Amino acid sequence: MTATPKVIPLSPINRTQGTPEPLHALFSAAGHPLRMGILRVLKTESFSVSELCDLFSMRQSALSHHLKILTQANLLSRRPEGTATFYRRQLPDGRHDVLRQTMLDDIDQEPLGPDLVLGLQRVQSQREQHSATFFREHGKQFEDHQESIASWEDYSRATLHLLDRAGDFSGQKILEVGPGDGRLLPALSQRGAAIVALDNAGEMLDAAKKNAGALSNVHFCLGTPASLTDHSNAFSAAVVNMVLHHVPDPETLIAEVAQLLASGGHLIISELCPHDQAWAREHCGDLWLGFDPDALHSWAAKAGLEHNAELVFGQRNGFQIQIQHFTRH
């Protein structure tokens, strides 16, 4: 039985405070050339240890030493995801927070070397291939496994609630990225004059067409948000339901969708909260085991979006769903 949704008031996000580190340890941790490179590549992304080993062409034992130093200096945070461990940059906070931010800003000014640029492209390609292969080979099984994690009824109902709360979209255009089997499209069709259903997997788009192809105001597009160059600033609302944990670069997808919104347009994202159910990678094609709301807020802010509200649902097997509502400035 799922929990009743609740609106979470907007308030400062609580972050776990690490043990205050000596000032010399902070300078020592950030001053090593390799560790500066690690901090640069983790500016807007998290990577697993194996991916970082690939990026820097290092054995895990050697790289782990540097990751430990950066973590102890509270410059990185680590998070186990099943059998893997992912690292990301720690937001500057607490003691020496101004110094930390200044240090990171200066480090970010240094360009990435050509080897790192190629390595990032290689990791990105590997993630994309994994995701594409999964959707090509599964189809119906994906829907069954996805439903075992999160109830479609719960997050779709909450999505429509936030959409209706945002205003009247009759006569306007609405975008749904990753419509899945198209179950939400009839409800969106009733709310907008024109609906664009966008997916980069032809098999999934075919499934959506079978369920919602008879709707005269729904247009099906094969591609990504970046491919809709003719629709910049065209949509009054966009819906991205349970998609980000399947894409290699969720921050970029948010930024690309934001560019498609008109001024004052609304973006509604439903996503899993962080979890440790590693089986979701194999059975659902998940590249990410949920997202910290703080990360979604930060990515949206960089894309020029203002956070309005969020809903949180408890689910079976300990999963939780977050539904985030943003507005373009």
C-alpha atoms as a PDB file:
ATOM      1  CA  MET A   1       0.000   0.000   0.000  1.00  0.00           C
ATOM      2  CA  THR A   2       1.454   3.364  -1.011  1.00  0.00           C
ATOM      3  CA  ALA A   3       1.633   6.376   1.229  1.00  0.00           C
ATOM      4  CA  THR A   4      -0.536   9.449   0.824  1.00  0.00           C
ATOM      5  CA  PRO A   5       1.351  12.175  -1.053  1.00  0.00           C
ATOM      6  CA  LYS A   6       2.354  15.260   0.811  1.00  0.00           C
ATOM      7  CA  VAL A   7       3.617  18.615  -0.335  1.00  0.00           C
ATOM      8  CA  ILE A   8       7.031  19.358   1.109  1.00  0.00           C
ATOM      9  CA  PRO A   9       7.457  23.034   2.041  1.00  0.00           C
ATOM     10  CA  LEU A  10      10.383  24.773   0.434  1.00  0.00           C
ATOM     11  CA  SER A  11      13.097  25.152   3.025  1.00  0.00           C
ATOM     12  CA  PRO A  12      16.893  25.007   3.217  1.00  0.00           C
ATOM     13  CA  ILE A  13      18.189  21.506   2.523  1.00  0.00           C
ATOM     14  CA  ASN A  14      19.868  19.821   5.443  1.00  0.00           C
ATOM     15  CA  ARG A  15      23.294  18.435   4.660  1.00  0.00           C
ATOM     16  CA  THR A  16      25.369  16.154   6.768  1.00  0.00           C
ATOM     17  CA  GLN A  17      28.274  18.037   8.241  1.00  0.00           C
ATOM     18  CA  GLY A  18      31.602  16.292   7.975  1.00  0.00           C
ATOM     19  CA  THR A  19      34.290  16.428  10.640  1.00  0.00           C
ATOM     20  CA  PRO A  20      36.048  19.801  10.379  1.00  0.00           C
ATOM     21  CA  GLU A  21      39.389  19.218   8.680  1.00  0.00           C
ATOM     22  CA  PRO A  22      42.631  21.118   9.357  1.00  0.00           C
ATOM     23  CA  LEU A  23      43.291  23.888   6.859  1.00  0.00           C
ATOM     24  CA  HIS A  24      46.553  22.322   5.710  1.00  0.00           C
ATOM     25  CA  ALA A  25      44.693  19.074   4.885  1.00  0.00           C
ATOM     26  CA  LEU A  26      42.302  20.980   2.617  1.00  0.00           C
ATOM     27  CA  PHE A  27      45.164  22.630   0.712  1.00  0.00           C
ATOM     28  CA  SER A  28      47.098  19.363   0.531  1.00  0.00           C
ATOM     29  CA  ALA A  29      44.094  17.414  -0.787  1.00  0.00           C
ATOM     30  CA  ALA A  30      43.275  19.902  -3.541  1.00  0.00           C
ATOM     31  CA  GLY A  31      46.867  20.749  -4.465  1.00  0.00           C
ATOM     32  CA  HIS A  32      47.811  17.511  -6.200  1.00  0.00           C
ATOM     33  CA  PRO A  33      47.530  17.663 -10.039  1.00  0.00           C
ATOM     34  CA  LEU A  34      45.713  14.334 -10.309  1.00  0.00           C
ATOM     35  CA  ARG A  35      43.262  15.231  -7.556  1.00  0.00           C
ATOM     36  CA  MET A  36      42.603  18.574  -9.242  1.00  0.00           C
ATOM     37  CA  GLY A  37      41.736  16.629 -12.381  1.00  0.00           C
ATOM     38  CA  ILE A  38      39.346  14.413 -10.426  1.00  0.00           C
ATOM     39  CA  LEU A  39      37.613  17.476  -9.020  1.00  0.00           C
ATOM     40  CA  ARG A  40      37.301  18.978 -12.503  1.00  0.00           C
ATOM     41  CA  VAL A  41      35.614  15.946 -14.088  1.00  0.00           C
ATOM     42  CA  LEU A  42      33.259  15.650 -11.104  1.00  0.00           C
ATOM     43  CA  LYS A  43      32.086  19.239 -11.462  1.00  0.00           C
ATOM     44  CA  THR A  44      28.646  18.336 -12.830  1.00  0.00           C
ATOM     45  CA  GLU A  45      28.590  14.547 -12.843  1.00  0.00           C
ATOM     46  CA  SER A  46      29.103  11.541 -10.624  1.00  0.00           C
ATOM     47  CA  PHE A  47      31.242   8.626 -11.734  1.00  0.00           C
ATOM     48  CA  SER A  48      31.806   5.119 -10.468  1.00  0.00           C
ATOM     49  CA  VAL A  49      35.269   4.037  -9.385  1.00  0.00           C
ATOM     50  CA  SER A  50      35.637   1.869 -12.500  1.00  0.00           C
ATOM     51  CA  GLU A  51      34.666   4.789 -14.742  1.00  0.00           C
ATOM     52  CA  LEU A  52      37.196   7.039 -13.015  1.00  0.00           C
ATOM     53  CA  CYS A  53      39.871   4.368 -13.455  1.00  0.00           C
ATOM     54  CA  ASP A  54      39.056   4.343 -17.169  1.00  0.00           C
ATOM     55  CA  LEU A  55      39.139   8.150 -17.369  1.00  0.00           C
ATOM     56  CA  PHE A  56      42.528   8.475 -15.687  1.00  0.00           C
ATOM     57  CA  SER A  57      44.036   5.188 -16.944  1.00  0.00           C
ATOM     58  CA  MET A  58      44.844   4.078 -13.395  1.00  0.00           C
ATOM     59  CA  ARG A  59      44.536   0.909 -11.388  1.00  0.00           C
ATOM     60  CA  GLN A  60      41.813   0.994  -8.776  1.00  0.00           C
ATOM     61  CA  SER A  61      44.199   0.582  -5.855  1.00  0.00           C
ATOM     62  CA  ALA A  62      46.154   3.693  -6.876  1.00  0.00           C
ATOM     63  CA  LEU A  63      43.100   5.812  -7.641  1.00  0.00           C
ATOM     64  CA  SER A  64      41.329   4.827  -4.421  1.00  0.00           C
ATOM     65  CA  HIS A  65      44.144   6.420  -2.422  1.00  0.00           C
ATOM     66  CA  HIS A  66      43.454   9.807  -4.008  1.00  0.00           C
ATOM     67  CA  LEU A  67      39.677   9.428  -3.701  1.00  0.00           C
ATOM     68  CA  LYS A  68      40.095   8.704  -0.003  1.00  0.00           C
ATOM     69  CA  ILE A  69      42.137  11.871   0.537  1.00  0.00           C
ATOM     70  CA  LEU A  70      39.553  14.018  -1.271  1.00  0.00           C
ATOM     71  CA  THR A  71      36.704  12.410   0.674  1.00  0.00           C
ATOM     72  CA  GLN A  72      38.430  12.906   4.027  1.00  0.00           C
ATOM     73  CA  ALA A  73      38.885  16.583   3.136  1.00  0.00           C
ATOM     74  CA  ASN A  74      35.122  16.799   2.437  1.00  0.00           C
ATOM     75  CA  LEU A  75      35.775  17.726  -1.181  1.00  0.00           C
ATOM     76  CA  LEU A  76      34.073  14.566  -2.439  1.00  0.00           C
ATOM     77  CA  SER A  77      31.187  12.463  -1.227  1.00  0.00           C
ATOM     78  CA  ARG A  78      30.913   8.750  -1.916  1.00  0.00           C
ATOM     79  CA  ARG A  79      27.762   6.711  -2.331  1.00  0.00           C
ATOM     80  CA  PRO A  80      27.486   2.930  -2.717  1.00  0.00           C
ATOM     81  CA  GLU A  81      25.068   1.840  -5.443  1.00  0.00           C
ATOM     82  CA  GLY A  82      24.763  -1.915  -5.274  1.00  0.00           C
ATOM     83  CA  THR A  83      28.200  -3.369  -5.928  1.00  0.00           C
ATOM     84  CA  ALA A  84      29.567  -0.080  -7.309  1.00  0.00           C
ATOM     85  CA  THR A  85      30.642   3.097  -5.532  1.00  0.00           C
ATOM     86  CA  PHE A  86      29.969   6.491  -7.091  1.00  0.00           C
ATOM     87  CA  TYR A  87      31.755   9.746  -6.263  1.00  0.00           C
ATOM     88  CA  ARG A  88      30.575  13.310  -6.735  1.00  0.00           C
ATOM     89  CA  ARG A  89      31.794  16.718  -5.642  1.00  0.00           C
ATOM     90  CA  GLN A  90      30.686  17.787  -2.189  1.00  0.00           C
ATOM     91  CA  LEU A  91      28.853  21.092  -2.098  1.00  0.00           C
ATOM     92  CA  PRO A  92      30.926  23.661  -0.169  1.00  0.00           C
ATOM     93  CA  ASP A  93      29.443  23.907   3.309  1.00  0.00           C
ATOM     94  CA  GLY A  94      30.446  24.425   6.912  1.00  0.00           C
ATOM     95  CA  ARG A  95      33.959  25.368   7.904  1.00  0.00           C
ATOM     96  CA  HIS A  96      36.038  27.062   5.161  1.00  0.00           C
ATOM     97  CA  ASP A  97      33.032  26.994   2.802  1.00  0.00           C
ATOM     98  CA  VAL A  98      33.994  30.286   1.119  1.00  0.00           C
ATOM     99  CA  LEU A  99      37.578  29.115   0.694  1.00  0.00           C
ATOM    100  CA  ARG A 100      36.356  25.791  -0.719  1.00  0.00           C
ATOM    101  CA  GLN A 101      34.154  27.512  -3.290  1.00  0.00           C
ATOM    102  CA  THR A 102      36.949  29.849  -4.339  1.00  0.00           C
ATOM    103  CA  MET A 103      39.317  26.906  -4.647  1.00  0.00           C
ATOM    104  CA  LEU A 104      36.846  24.912  -6.765  1.00  0.00           C
ATOM    105  CA  ASP A 105      36.070  27.922  -8.958  1.00  0.00           C
ATOM    106  CA  ASP A 106      39.770  28.349  -9.700  1.00  0.00           C
ATOM    107  CA  ILE A 107      40.223  24.630 -10.380  1.00  0.00           C
ATOM    108  CA  ASP A 108      37.287  24.706 -12.798  1.00  0.00           C
ATOM    109  CA  GLN A 109      39.010  27.434 -14.828  1.00  0.00           C
ATOM    110  CA  GLU A 110      41.691  24.941 -15.862  1.00  0.00           C
ATOM    111  CA  PRO A 111      40.700  23.209 -19.126  1.00  0.00           C
ATOM    112  CA  LEU A 112      40.487  19.443 -19.331  1.00  0.00           C
ATOM    113  CA  GLY A 113      43.307  17.775 -21.203  1.00  0.00           C
ATOM    114  CA  PRO A 114      42.581  16.018 -24.527  1.00  0.00           C
ATOM    115  CA  ASP A 115      42.929  12.553 -22.933  1.00  0.00           C
ATOM    116  CA  LEU A 116      40.270  13.381 -20.345  1.00  0.00           C
ATOM    117  CA  VAL A 117      37.954  14.829 -22.977  1.00  0.00           C
ATOM    118  CA  LEU A 118      38.227  11.626 -24.994  1.00  0.00           C
ATOM    119  CA  GLY A 119      37.760   9.556 -21.843  1.00  0.00           C
ATOM    120  CA  LEU A 120      34.568  11.421 -20.946  1.00  0.00           C
ATOM    121  CA  GLN A 121      33.232  10.837 -24.455  1.00  0.00           C
ATOM    122  CA  ARG A 122      34.096   7.155 -24.146  1.00  0.00           C
ATOM    123  CA  VAL A 123      32.278   6.748 -20.807  1.00  0.00           C
ATOM    124  CA  GLN A 124      29.287   8.658 -22.157  1.00  0.00           C
ATOM    125  CA  SER A 125      29.144   6.387 -25.186  1.00  0.00           C
ATOM    126  CA  GLN A 126      29.307   3.276 -23.009  1.00  0.00           C
ATOM    127  CA  ARG A 127      26.398   4.515 -20.908  1.00  0.00           C
ATOM    128  CA  GLU A 128      24.336   5.330 -23.991  1.00  0.00           C
ATOM    129  CA  GLN A 129      24.997   1.907 -25.509  1.00  0.00           C
ATOM    130  CA  HIS A 130      23.939   0.192 -22.288  1.00  0.00           C
ATOM    131  CA  SER A 131      20.674   2.124 -22.157  1.00  0.00           C
ATOM    132  CA  ALA A 132      19.867   1.663 -25.861  1.00  0.00           C
ATOM    133  CA  THR A 133      20.614  -2.064 -25.727  1.00  0.00           C
ATOM    134  CA  PHE A 134      18.325  -2.545 -22.759  1.00  0.00           C
ATOM    135  CA  PHE A 135      15.322  -0.840 -24.344  1.00  0.00           C
ATOM    136  CA  ARG A 136      15.898  -2.618 -27.647  1.00  0.00           C
ATOM    137  CA  GLU A 137      16.020  -6.066 -26.061  1.00  0.00           C
ATOM    138  CA  HIS A 138      13.298  -5.810 -23.436  1.00  0.00           C
ATOM    139  CA  GLY A 139      10.193  -3.749 -24.204  1.00  0.00           C
ATOM    140  CA  LYS A 140       7.280  -5.343 -22.314  1.00  0.00           C
ATOM    141  CA  GLN A 141       9.543  -6.731 -19.576  1.00  0.00           C
ATOM    142  CA  PHE A 142      10.667  -3.184 -18.829  1.00  0.00           C
ATOM    143  CA  GLU A 143       7.104  -2.095 -18.121  1.00  0.00           C
ATOM    144  CA  ASP A 144       6.558  -5.028 -15.759  1.00  0.00           C
ATOM    145  CA  HIS A 145       9.767  -4.420 -13.808  1.00  0.00           C
ATOM    146  CA  GLN A 146       9.201  -0.656 -13.696  1.00  0.00           C
ATOM    147  CA  GLU A 147       5.760  -1.181 -12.197  1.00  0.00           C
ATOM    148  CA  SER A 148       7.293  -3.401  -9.506  1.00  0.00           C
ATOM    149  CA  ILE A 149       9.381  -0.411  -8.389  1.00  0.00           C
ATOM    150  CA  ALA A 150       6.982   2.514  -8.697  1.00  0.00           C
ATOM    151  CA  SER A 151       3.245   2.650  -9.225  1.00  0.00           C
ATOM    152  CA  TRP A 152       2.387   4.439 -12.471  1.00  0.00           C
ATOM    153  CA  GLU A 153      -0.934   5.485 -10.948  1.00  0.00           C
ATOM    154  CA  ASP A 154       0.836   7.298  -8.122  1.00  0.00           C
ATOM    155  CA  TYR A 155       3.291   9.423 -10.062  1.00  0.00           C
ATOM    156  CA  SER A 156       0.991  10.048 -13.024  1.00  0.00           C
ATOM    157  CA  ARG A 157      -1.798  11.253 -10.738  1.00  0.00           C
ATOM    158  CA  ALA A 158       0.649  13.517  -8.910  1.00  0.00           C
ATOM    159  CA  THR A 159       2.006  14.828 -12.224  1.00  0.00           C
ATOM    160  CA  LEU A 160      -1.467  15.795 -13.385  1.00  0.00           C
ATOM    161  CA  HIS A 161      -2.216  17.348 -10.003  1.00  0.00           C
ATOM    162  CA  LEU A 162       0.820  19.633 -10.252  1.00  0.00           C
ATOM    163  CA  LEU A 163       0.057  20.390 -13.881  1.00  0.00           C
ATOM    164  CA  ASP A 164      -3.512  21.430 -13.078  1.00  0.00           C
ATOM    165  CA  ARG A 165      -2.260  23.395 -10.097  1.00  0.00           C
ATOM    166  CA  ALA A 166       0.078  25.313 -12.432  1.00  0.00           C
ATOM    167  CA  GLY A 167      -2.724  26.655 -14.631  1.00  0.00           C
ATOM    168  CA  ASP A 168      -4.918  26.132 -17.686  1.00  0.00           C
ATOM    169  CA  PHE A 169      -3.023  24.816 -20.721  1.00  0.00           C
ATOM    170  CA  SER A 170      -5.913  24.665 -23.178  1.00  0.00           C
ATOM    171  CA  GLY A 171      -4.771  26.191 -26.450  1.00  0.00           C
ATOM    172  CA  GLN A 172      -1.109  25.593 -25.573  1.00  0.00           C
ATOM    173  CA  LYS A 173       1.598  23.013 -26.328  1.00  0.00           C
ATOM    174  CA  ILE A 174       2.722  20.319 -23.887  1.00  0.00           C
ATOM    175  CA  LEU A 175       5.787  18.079 -24.248  1.00  0.00           C
ATOM    176  CA  GLU A 176       6.189  14.619 -22.760  1.00  0.00           C
ATOM    177  CA  VAL A 177       9.729  13.244 -22.852  1.00  0.00           C
ATOM    178  CA  GLY A 178       9.844   9.456 -22.684  1.00  0.00           C
ATOM    179  CA  PRO A 179       6.099   8.691 -22.834  1.00  0.00           C
ATOM    180  CA  GLY A 180       6.651   4.968 -22.273  1.00  0.00           C
ATOM    181  CA  ASP A 181       3.546   3.070 -23.380  1.00  0.00           C
ATOM    182  CA  GLY A 182       1.600   6.323 -23.797  1.00  0.00           C
ATOM    183  CA  ARG A 183      -0.754   5.898 -20.864  1.00  0.00           C
ATOM    184  CA  LEU A 184      -0.456   9.540 -19.810  1.00  0.00           C
ATOM    185  CA  LEU A 185      -1.024  10.950 -23.292  1.00  0.00           C
ATOM    186  CA  PRO A 186      -4.863  10.847 -23.232  1.00  0.00           C
ATOM    187  CA  ALA A 187      -4.906  12.938 -20.050  1.00  0.00           C
ATOM    188  CA  LEU A 188      -2.389  15.389 -21.503  1.00  0.00           C
ATOM    189  CA  SER A 189      -4.411  15.503 -24.716  1.00  0.00           C
ATOM    190  CA  GLN A 190      -7.402  16.764 -22.745  1.00  0.00           C
ATOM    191  CA  ARG A 191      -5.336  19.553 -21.203  1.00  0.00           C
ATOM    192  CA  GLY A 192      -3.447  20.998 -24.182  1.00  0.00           C
ATOM    193  CA  ALA A 193      -4.082  21.951 -27.794  1.00  0.00           C
ATOM    194  CA  ALA A 194      -1.023  20.078 -29.079  1.00  0.00           C
ATOM    195  CA  ILE A 195       0.966  17.333 -27.377  1.00  0.00           C
ATOM    196  CA  VAL A 196       4.419  16.211 -28.501  1.00  0.00           C
ATOM    197  CA  ALA A 197       5.464  12.723 -27.385  1.00  0.00           C
ATOM    198  CA  LEU A 198       9.265  12.470 -27.684  1.00  0.00           C
ATOM    199  CA  ASP A 199      11.354   9.317 -27.286  1.00  0.00           C
ATOM    200  CA  ASN A 200      14.767   8.231 -28.566  1.00  0.00           C
ATOM    201  CA  ALA A 201      13.775   4.544 -28.634  1.00  0.00           C
ATOM    202  CA  GLY A 202      11.683   3.580 -31.636  1.00  0.00           C
ATOM    203  CA  GLU A 203      10.273   0.495 -29.910  1.00  0.00           C
ATOM    204  CA  MET A 204       8.956   2.540 -26.998  1.00  0.00           C
ATOM    205  CA  LEU A 205       7.503   5.171 -29.321  1.00  0.00           C
ATOM    206  CA  ASP A 206       5.701   2.430 -31.282  1.00  0.00           C
ATOM    207  CA  ALA A 207       4.150   1.194 -28.029  1.00  0.00           C
ATOM    208  CA  ALA A 208       2.952   4.715 -27.234  1.00  0.00           C
ATOM    209  CA  LYS A 209       1.427   5.026 -30.704  1.00  0.00           C
ATOM    210  CA  LYS A 210      -0.534   1.811 -30.244  1.00  0.00           C
ATOM    211  CA  ASN A 211      -2.153   3.111 -27.077  1.00  0.00           C
ATOM    212  CA  ALA A 212      -2.595   6.771 -27.989  1.00  0.00           C
ATOM    213  CA  GLY A 213      -2.152   7.018 -31.759  1.00  0.00           C
ATOM    214  CA  ALA A 214      -5.845   7.767 -32.303  1.00  0.00           C
ATOM    215  CA  LEU A 215      -5.577  11.103 -30.486  1.00  0.00           C
ATOM    216  CA  SER A 216      -5.644  13.788 -33.164  1.00  0.00           C
ATOM    217  CA  ASN A 217      -3.639  16.383 -31.218  1.00  0.00           C
ATOM    218  CA  VAL A 218      -0.747  14.089 -30.230  1.00  0.00           C
ATOM    219  CA  HIS A 219       2.382  14.169 -32.401  1.00  0.00           C
ATOM    220  CA  PHE A 220       5.019  11.447 -32.022  1.00  0.00           C
ATOM    221  CA  CYS A 221       8.679  12.371 -32.503  1.00  0.00           C
ATOM    222  CA  LEU A 222      11.718  10.106 -32.527  1.00  0.00           C
ATOM    223  CA  GLY A 223      14.708  11.883 -31.030  1.00  0.00           C
ATOM    224  CA  THR A 224      15.936  13.819 -28.010  1.00  0.00           C
ATOM    225  CA  PRO A 225      15.089  17.296 -26.674  1.00  0.00           C
ATOM    226  CA  ALA A 226      18.170  18.620 -28.478  1.00  0.00           C
ATOM    227  CA  SER A 227      16.662  17.497 -31.790  1.00  0.00           C
ATOM    228  CA  LEU A 228      13.605  19.756 -31.366  1.00  0.00           C
ATOM    229  CA  THR A 229      15.474  22.852 -32.512  1.00  0.00           C
ATOM    230  CA  ASP A 230      12.357  24.240 -34.192  1.00  0.00           C
ATOM    231  CA  HIS A 231      10.457  24.179 -30.892  1.00  0.00           C
ATOM    232  CA  SER A 232      12.637  26.422 -28.704  1.00  0.00           C
ATOM    233  CA  ASN A 233      10.537  28.427 -26.244  1.00  0.00           C
ATOM    234  CA  ALA A 234       7.430  26.751 -27.703  1.00  0.00           C
ATOM    235  CA  PHE A 235       6.049  24.638 -24.852  1.00  0.00           C
ATOM    236  CA  SER A 236       4.007  25.902 -21.932  1.00  0.00           C
ATOM    237  CA  ALA A 237       4.642  22.691 -20.004  1.00  0.00           C
ATOM    238  CA  ALA A 238       6.875  19.629 -20.181  1.00  0.00           C
ATOM    239  CA  VAL A 239       6.606  16.300 -18.367  1.00  0.00           C
ATOM    240  CA  VAL A 240       9.582  13.994 -17.753  1.00  0.00           C
ATOM    241  CA  ASN A 241       8.297  10.957 -15.868  1.00  0.00           C
ATOM    242  CA  MET A 242      10.746   8.293 -14.663  1.00  0.00           C
ATOM    243  CA  VAL A 243      13.217   9.033 -17.453  1.00  0.00           C
ATOM    244  CA  LEU A 244      16.309  10.622 -15.900  1.00  0.00           C
ATOM    245  CA  HIS A 245      17.600   7.428 -14.278  1.00  0.00           C
ATOM    246  CA  HIS A 246      17.775   5.865 -17.763  1.00  0.00           C
ATOM    247  CA  VAL A 247      19.815   8.595 -19.486  1.00  0.00           C
ATOM    248  CA  PRO A 248      23.609   8.971 -19.345  1.00  0.00           C
ATOM    249  CA  ASP A 249      23.550  12.725 -18.687  1.00  0.00           C
ATOM    250  CA  PRO A 250      20.431  13.771 -16.742  1.00  0.00           C
ATOM    251  CA  GLU A 251      21.694  17.309 -16.126  1.00  0.00           C
ATOM    252  CA  THR A 252      22.019  17.960 -19.850  1.00  0.00           C
ATOM    253  CA  LEU A 253      18.553  16.573 -20.529  1.00  0.00           C
ATOM    254  CA  ILE A 254      17.051  18.985 -17.974  1.00  0.00           C
ATOM    255  CA  ALA A 255      18.910  21.889 -19.588  1.00  0.00           C
ATOM    256  CA  GLU A 256      17.726  20.886 -23.073  1.00  0.00           C
ATOM    257  CA  VAL A 257      14.105  20.581 -21.969  1.00  0.00           C
ATOM    258  CA  ALA A 258      14.328  23.954 -20.224  1.00  0.00           C
ATOM    259  CA  GLN A 259      15.311  25.551 -23.549  1.00  0.00           C
ATOM    260  CA  LEU A 260      12.100  24.246 -25.096  1.00  0.00           C
ATOM    261  CA  LEU A 261       9.928  25.953 -22.476  1.00  0.00           C
ATOM    262  CA  ALA A 262       8.396  29.353 -23.001  1.00  0.00           C
ATOM    263  CA  SER A 263       9.021  32.028 -20.387  1.00  0.00           C
ATOM    264  CA  GLY A 264       6.962  31.023 -17.370  1.00  0.00           C
ATOM    265  CA  GLY A 265       6.683  27.460 -18.709  1.00  0.00           C
ATOM    266  CA  HIS A 266       6.424  24.547 -16.308  1.00  0.00           C
ATOM    267  CA  LEU A 267       8.587  21.429 -16.014  1.00  0.00           C
ATOM    268  CA  ILE A 268       7.376  18.471 -13.957  1.00  0.00           C
ATOM    269  CA  ILE A 269       9.820  15.650 -13.235  1.00  0.00           C
ATOM    270  CA  SER A 270       9.023  12.414 -11.452  1.00  0.00           C
ATOM    271  CA  GLU A 271      12.027  10.389 -10.336  1.00  0.00           C
ATOM    272  CA  LEU A 272      13.216   7.828  -7.848  1.00  0.00           C
ATOM    273  CA  CYS A 273      14.841   9.040  -4.676  1.00  0.00           C
ATOM    274  CA  PRO A 274      18.278   7.544  -3.931  1.00  0.00           C
ATOM    275  CA  HIS A 275      18.125   3.780  -3.272  1.00  0.00           C
ATOM    276  CA  ASP A 276      20.433   0.778  -3.088  1.00  0.00           C
ATOM    277  CA  GLN A 277      18.453  -1.760  -5.147  1.00  0.00           C
ATOM    278  CA  ALA A 278      21.186  -2.724  -7.605  1.00  0.00           C
ATOM    279  CA  TRP A 279      18.938  -5.249  -9.374  1.00  0.00           C
ATOM    280  CA  ALA A 280      17.225  -2.267 -11.046  1.00  0.00           C
ATOM    281  CA  ARG A 281      20.298  -1.855 -13.253  1.00  0.00           C
ATOM    282  CA  GLU A 282      19.924  -5.321 -14.766  1.00  0.00           C
ATOM    283  CA  HIS A 283      16.138  -5.636 -14.884  1.00  0.00           C
ATOM    284  CA  CYS A 284      15.098  -2.044 -15.639  1.00  0.00           C
ATOM    285  CA  GLY A 285      18.087  -0.660 -17.503  1.00  0.00           C
ATOM    286  CA  ASP A 286      18.703   1.952 -14.817  1.00  0.00           C
ATOM    287  CA  LEU A 287      21.932   3.908 -15.151  1.00  0.00           C
ATOM    288  CA  TRP A 288      21.320   5.764 -11.886  1.00  0.00           C
ATOM    289  CA  LEU A 289      19.923   4.449  -8.617  1.00  0.00           C
ATOM    290  CA  GLY A 290      17.742   7.480  -7.948  1.00  0.00           C
ATOM    291  CA  PHE A 291      18.674  11.118  -7.387  1.00  0.00           C
ATOM    292  CA  ASP A 292      19.131  13.346  -4.387  1.00  0.00           C
ATOM    293  CA  PRO A 293      16.530  16.136  -4.644  1.00  0.00           C
ATOM    294  CA  ASP A 294      19.364  18.598  -4.054  1.00  0.00           C
ATOM    295  CA  ALA A 295      20.973  17.470  -7.320  1.00  0.00           C
ATOM    296  CA  LEU A 296      17.762  17.975  -9.299  1.00  0.00           C
ATOM    297  CA  HIS A 297      17.280  21.424  -7.746  1.00  0.00           C
ATOM    298  CA  SER A 298      20.860  22.404  -8.596  1.00  0.00           C
ATOM    299  CA  TRP A 299      20.666  21.194 -12.211  1.00  0.00           C
ATOM    300  CA  ALA A 300      17.329  22.937 -12.723  1.00  0.00           C
ATOM    301  CA  ALA A 301      18.661  26.199 -11.277  1.00  0.00           C
ATOM    302  CA  LYS A 302      21.619  26.105 -13.681  1.00  0.00           C
ATOM    303  CA  ALA A 303      19.112  25.676 -16.528  1.00  0.00           C
ATOM    304  CA  GLY A 304      17.250  28.825 -15.479  1.00  0.00           C
ATOM    305  CA  LEU A 305      14.419  27.052 -13.674  1.00  0.00           C
ATOM    306  CA  GLU A 306      12.869  28.028 -10.351  1.00  0.00           C
ATOM    307  CA  HIS A 307      11.770  25.325  -7.924  1.00  0.00           C
ATOM    308  CA  ASN A 308       8.107  25.569  -6.939  1.00  0.00           C
ATOM    309  CA  ALA A 309       7.135  22.416  -5.057  1.00  0.00           C
ATOM    310  CA  GLU A 310       7.762  18.721  -4.629  1.00  0.00           C
ATOM    311  CA  LEU A 311       5.725  15.656  -3.724  1.00  0.00           C
ATOM    312  CA  VAL A 312       7.157  12.531  -2.114  1.00  0.00           C
ATOM    313  CA  PHE A 313       5.593   9.052  -2.160  1.00  0.00           C
ATOM    314  CA  GLY A 314       6.656   5.965  -0.265  1.00  0.00           C
ATOM    315  CA  GLN A 315       6.573   2.832  -2.436  1.00  0.00           C
ATOM    316  CA  ARG A 316       6.888  -0.913  -2.115  1.00  0.00           C
ATOM    317  CA  ASN A 317      10.299  -2.462  -1.417  1.00  0.00           C
ATOM    318  CA  GLY A 318      11.402   0.744   0.277  1.00  0.00           C
ATOM    319  CA  PHE A 319      11.470   2.857  -2.894  1.00  0.00           C
ATOM    320  CA  GLN A 320      10.393   6.493  -2.807  1.00  0.00           C
ATOM    321  CA  ILE A 321       9.284   8.700  -5.678  1.00  0.00           C
ATOM    322  CA  GLN A 322       9.796  12.444  -5.867  1.00  0.00           C
ATOM    323  CA  ILE A 323       7.789  14.690  -8.187  1.00  0.00           C
ATOM    324  CA  GLN A 324       9.487  18.048  -8.732  1.00  0.00           C
ATOM    325  CA  HIS A 325       7.813  21.135 -10.205  1.00  0.00           C
ATOM    326  CA  PHE A 326       9.948  23.886 -11.777  1.00  0.00           C
ATOM    327  CA  THR A 327       9.134  27.068 -13.685  1.00  0.00           C
ATOM    328  CA  ARG A 328      11.309  28.783 -16.288  1.00  0.00           C
ATOM    329  CA  HIS A 329      12.296  32.330 -15.362  1.00  0.00           C
END
